C-alpha atoms as a PDB file:
ATOM      1  CA  UNK A   1     -16.008  11.766   4.347  1.00  0.00           C
ATOM      2  CA  UNK A   2     -13.012  12.687   2.189  1.00  0.00           C
ATOM      3  CA  UNK A   3     -11.365  10.499  -0.439  1.00  0.00           C
ATOM      4  CA  UNK A   4      -8.383  10.089   1.860  1.00  0.00           C
ATOM      5  CA  UNK A   5     -10.581   8.912   4.739  1.00  0.00           C
ATOM      6  CA  UNK A   6     -12.279   6.424   2.409  1.00  0.00           C
ATOM      7  CA  UNK A   7      -8.910   5.067   1.307  1.00  0.00           C
ATOM      8  CA  UNK A   8      -7.791   4.541   4.904  1.00  0.00           C
ATOM      9  CA  UNK A   9     -11.128   2.890   5.720  1.00  0.00           C
ATOM     10  CA  UNK A  10     -10.858   0.613   2.681  1.00  0.00           C
ATOM     11  CA  UNK A  11      -7.268  -0.313   3.526  1.00  0.00           C
ATOM     12  CA  UNK A  12      -8.353  -1.192   7.055  1.00  0.00           C
ATOM     13  CA  UNK A  13     -11.208  -3.313   5.704  1.00  0.00           C
ATOM     14  CA  UNK A  14      -8.746  -5.190   3.492  1.00  0.00           C
ATOM     15  CA  UNK A  15      -6.501  -5.887   6.467  1.00  0.00           C
ATOM     16  CA  UNK A  16      -3.672  -3.661   5.261  1.00  0.00           C
ATOM     17  CA  UNK A  17      -1.503  -2.187   7.983  1.00  0.00           C
ATOM     18  CA  UNK A  18      -0.566   1.447   7.321  1.00  0.00           C
ATOM     19  CA  UNK A  19       2.134   3.124   9.362  1.00  0.00           C
ATOM     20  CA  UNK A  20       3.318   6.695   9.155  1.00  0.00           C
ATOM     21  CA  UNK A  21       7.033   6.716   9.710  1.00  0.00           C
ATOM     22  CA  UNK A  22      10.013   8.773   8.670  1.00  0.00           C
ATOM     23  CA  UNK A  23      12.024   7.302   5.808  1.00  0.00           C
ATOM     24  CA  UNK A  24      15.397   8.438   4.641  1.00  0.00           C
ATOM     25  CA  UNK A  25      15.002   7.929   0.885  1.00  0.00           C
ATOM     26  CA  UNK A  26      11.502   6.690   0.112  1.00  0.00           C
ATOM     27  CA  UNK A  27       8.130   8.345   0.382  1.00  0.00           C
ATOM     28  CA  UNK A  28       6.222   5.072   0.669  1.00  0.00           C
ATOM     29  CA  UNK A  29       6.662   1.325   0.441  1.00  0.00           C
ATOM     30  CA  UNK A  30       4.408  -1.717   0.454  1.00  0.00           C
ATOM     31  CA  UNK A  31       5.318  -5.304   1.243  1.00  0.00           C
ATOM     32  CA  UNK A  32       3.671  -8.535   0.085  1.00  0.00           C
ATOM     33  CA  UNK A  33       2.351  -9.213   3.593  1.00  0.00           C
ATOM     34  CA  UNK A  34       0.102  -6.140   3.565  1.00  0.00           C
ATOM     35  CA  UNK A  35       2.270  -3.522   5.256  1.00  0.00           C
ATOM     36  CA  UNK A  36       2.304   0.004   3.837  1.00  0.00           C
ATOM     37  CA  UNK A  37       4.750   2.507   5.223  1.00  0.00           C
ATOM     38  CA  UNK A  38       4.382   6.180   4.319  1.00  0.00           C
ATOM     39  CA  UNK A  39       6.403   9.264   5.191  1.00  0.00           C
ATOM     40  CA  UNK A  40       3.563  11.801   5.128  1.00  0.00           C
ATOM     41  CA  UNK A  41       6.012  14.619   5.870  1.00  0.00           C
ATOM     42  CA  UNK A  42       7.242  14.245   2.284  1.00  0.00           C
ATOM     43  CA  UNK A  43       3.726  14.627   0.859  1.00  0.00           C
ATOM     44  CA  UNK A  44       2.605  18.185   0.266  1.00  0.00           C
ATOM     45  CA  UNK A  45      -1.126  17.811   0.885  1.00  0.00           C
ATOM     46  CA  UNK A  46      -3.971  15.329   1.326  1.00  0.00           C
ATOM     47  CA  UNK A  47      -4.415  14.972  -2.446  1.00  0.00           C
ATOM     48  CA  UNK A  48      -0.840  13.700  -2.820  1.00  0.00           C
ATOM     49  CA  UNK A  49      -1.297  11.460   0.212  1.00  0.00           C
ATOM     50  CA  UNK A  50      -4.432   9.995  -1.424  1.00  0.00           C
ATOM     51  CA  UNK A  51      -2.598   9.275  -4.671  1.00  0.00           C
ATOM     52  CA  UNK A  52       0.364   7.756  -2.835  1.00  0.00           C
ATOM     53  CA  UNK A  53      -1.852   5.560  -0.645  1.00  0.00           C
ATOM     54  CA  UNK A  54      -3.940   4.361  -3.603  1.00  0.00           C
ATOM     55  CA  UNK A  55      -0.749   3.530  -5.508  1.00  0.00           C
ATOM     56  CA  UNK A  56       0.712   1.519  -2.621  1.00  0.00           C
ATOM     57  CA  UNK A  57      -2.625  -0.232  -2.042  1.00  0.00           C
ATOM     58  CA  UNK A  58      -2.470  -1.333  -5.687  1.00  0.00           C
ATOM     59  CA  UNK A  59       0.914  -2.980  -5.088  1.00  0.00           C
ATOM     60  CA  UNK A  60      -0.360  -4.692  -1.940  1.00  0.00           C
ATOM     61  CA  UNK A  61      -3.544  -5.981  -3.586  1.00  0.00           C
ATOM     62  CA  UNK A  62      -1.630  -7.232  -6.637  1.00  0.00           C
ATOM     63  CA  UNK A  63       0.811  -9.108  -4.421  1.00  0.00           C
ATOM     64  CA  UNK A  64      -2.020 -10.638  -2.396  1.00  0.00           C
ATOM     65  CA  UNK A  65      -3.936 -11.771  -5.481  1.00  0.00           C
ATOM     66  CA  UNK A  66      -0.871 -13.117  -7.280  1.00  0.00           C
ATOM     67  CA  UNK A  67       0.056 -15.157  -4.211  1.00  0.00           C
ATOM     68  CA  UNK A  68      -3.469 -16.526  -3.711  1.00  0.00           C
ATOM     69  CA  UNK A  69      -4.605 -17.072  -7.310  1.00  0.00           C
ATOM     70  CA  UNK A  70      -1.634 -18.242  -9.374  1.00  0.00           C
ATOM     71  CA  UNK A  71      -0.603 -21.867  -9.834  1.00  0.00           C
ATOM     72  CA  UNK A  72       1.764 -23.189  -7.177  1.00  0.00           C
ATOM     73  CA  UNK A  73       4.768 -22.950  -9.501  1.00  0.00           C
ATOM     74  CA  UNK A  74       4.202 -19.183  -9.908  1.00  0.00           C
ATOM     75  CA  UNK A  75       2.467 -18.371  -6.610  1.00  0.00           C
ATOM     76  CA  UNK A  76       5.404 -16.582  -5.062  1.00  0.00           C
ATOM     77  CA  UNK A  77       5.641 -13.991  -7.830  1.00  0.00           C
ATOM     78  CA  UNK A  78       4.803 -10.660  -6.260  1.00  0.00           C
ATOM     79  CA  UNK A  79       5.468  -7.036  -6.984  1.00  0.00           C
ATOM     80  CA  UNK A  80       8.061  -5.584  -4.696  1.00  0.00           C
ATOM     81  CA  UNK A  81       9.137  -2.377  -6.359  1.00  0.00           C
END
């Protein structure tokens, strides 16, 4: 199993939804609700896809944890970069 396959398997296990779709300006995006969109046509090889997916998974996990673990006054702080 490759690193890329492990990342996709881990994302699936975490309940993240990954879609490959064409994007005009971006290469990838993640949303606080666990959606990751990636334009794999802009990534040169599986190594770059792995790095991009791991990066976006980091945003998604941070948003999930900040929403679930912070006090109510701060609970809606999420990363959306």
